[in-house]
Amino acid sequence: MSRDELSKGYYVDQGEIITPSCFNQGLFNASADQKVLDYGRSLTAAGTGCVSRADGVTCARAEHGFFVSAQSFKQW
């Protein structure tokens, strides 16, 4: 997927389907205590693990996942 085709967010449903979603129509769940996943750090939520690196963010649950950066998006 090219950079121009990227949306601002991704939704992972219970069937582990990853769908680019347009979240640029307003703020969703914005709060003063939002966190940033710094480079080299990881987190796991609802069975999905994500790792942030300088070249992008990789998230996966079981055998499904995605990689996203300012230049590209891949899913498996």
Protein backbone atom coordinates (compact mmCIF):
# COMPACT_ATOMS: atom_id res chain seq x y z
CA MET A 1 0.00 0.00 0.00
CA SER A 2 1.43 3.38 -0.90
CA ARG A 3 1.79 6.26 1.51
CA ASP A 4 -1.08 8.10 -0.22
CA GLU A 5 -3.39 5.15 0.44
CA LEU A 6 -2.64 5.01 4.15
CA SER A 7 -5.28 6.08 6.58
CA LYS A 8 -4.68 7.50 10.03
CA GLY A 9 -5.58 4.39 11.98
CA TYR A 10 -6.13 0.63 11.97
CA TYR A 11 -8.84 -1.50 13.48
CA VAL A 12 -8.24 -5.13 14.49
CA ASP A 13 -11.54 -6.99 14.92
CA GLN A 14 -12.16 -10.17 16.95
CA GLY A 15 -11.69 -12.26 13.78
CA GLU A 16 -8.16 -10.80 13.59
CA ILE A 17 -8.89 -8.90 10.38
CA ILE A 18 -6.83 -5.69 10.16
CA THR A 19 -8.61 -2.83 8.42
CA PRO A 20 -7.21 0.64 7.68
CA SER A 21 -9.72 3.14 9.05
CA CYS A 22 -10.06 6.87 8.58
CA PHE A 23 -9.68 8.51 11.96
CA ASN A 24 -8.88 11.98 10.65
CA GLN A 25 -12.47 13.24 10.88
CA GLY A 26 -12.02 14.21 14.52
CA LEU A 27 -10.46 13.01 17.72
CA PHE A 28 -11.47 9.65 19.13
CA ASN A 29 -10.71 8.72 22.71
CA ALA A 30 -8.44 11.74 23.08
CA SER A 31 -7.47 12.47 26.65
CA ALA A 32 -4.81 14.33 28.57
CA ASP A 33 -3.24 11.05 29.69
CA GLN A 34 -2.66 9.55 26.23
CA LYS A 35 0.69 7.80 25.95
CA VAL A 36 3.31 7.58 23.21
CA LEU A 37 4.97 4.24 22.49
CA ASP A 38 8.61 5.32 22.37
CA TYR A 39 11.08 3.64 19.98
CA GLY A 40 12.32 0.33 21.32
CA ARG A 41 9.29 -0.11 23.60
CA SER A 42 6.45 -2.58 23.32
CA LEU A 43 2.99 -3.16 24.72
CA THR A 44 0.33 -5.84 24.63
CA ALA A 45 -3.39 -5.17 24.80
CA ALA A 46 -6.28 -7.57 24.20
CA GLY A 47 -3.85 -10.19 22.90
CA THR A 48 -2.23 -7.90 20.31
CA GLY A 49 1.44 -7.05 20.83
CA CYS A 50 3.04 -3.96 19.29
CA VAL A 51 6.69 -2.89 19.05
CA SER A 52 7.75 0.64 18.09
CA ARG A 53 11.00 1.18 16.21
CA ALA A 54 12.44 4.12 14.29
CA ASP A 55 11.46 2.48 10.99
CA GLY A 56 7.83 1.84 12.02
CA VAL A 57 5.47 -0.05 14.30
CA THR A 58 4.77 -3.79 14.12
CA CYS A 59 1.68 -5.27 15.75
CA ALA A 60 0.65 -8.93 15.77
CA ARG A 61 -1.82 -11.34 17.32
CA ALA A 62 -1.30 -15.04 16.67
CA GLU A 63 -0.24 -15.38 13.02
CA HIS A 64 -1.88 -12.11 11.92
CA GLY A 65 -0.35 -8.65 12.11
CA PHE A 66 0.70 -5.48 10.39
CA PHE A 67 3.63 -3.12 9.98
CA VAL A 68 3.02 0.59 9.48
CA SER A 69 5.37 3.49 8.84
CA ALA A 70 5.19 6.88 7.16
CA GLN A 71 6.27 5.14 3.94
CA SER A 72 4.40 1.84 3.89
CA PHE A 73 1.85 -0.57 5.28
CA LYS A 74 1.98 -4.38 5.19
CA GLN A 75 -0.33 -6.95 6.72
CA TRP A 76 -0.25 -10.72 7.07
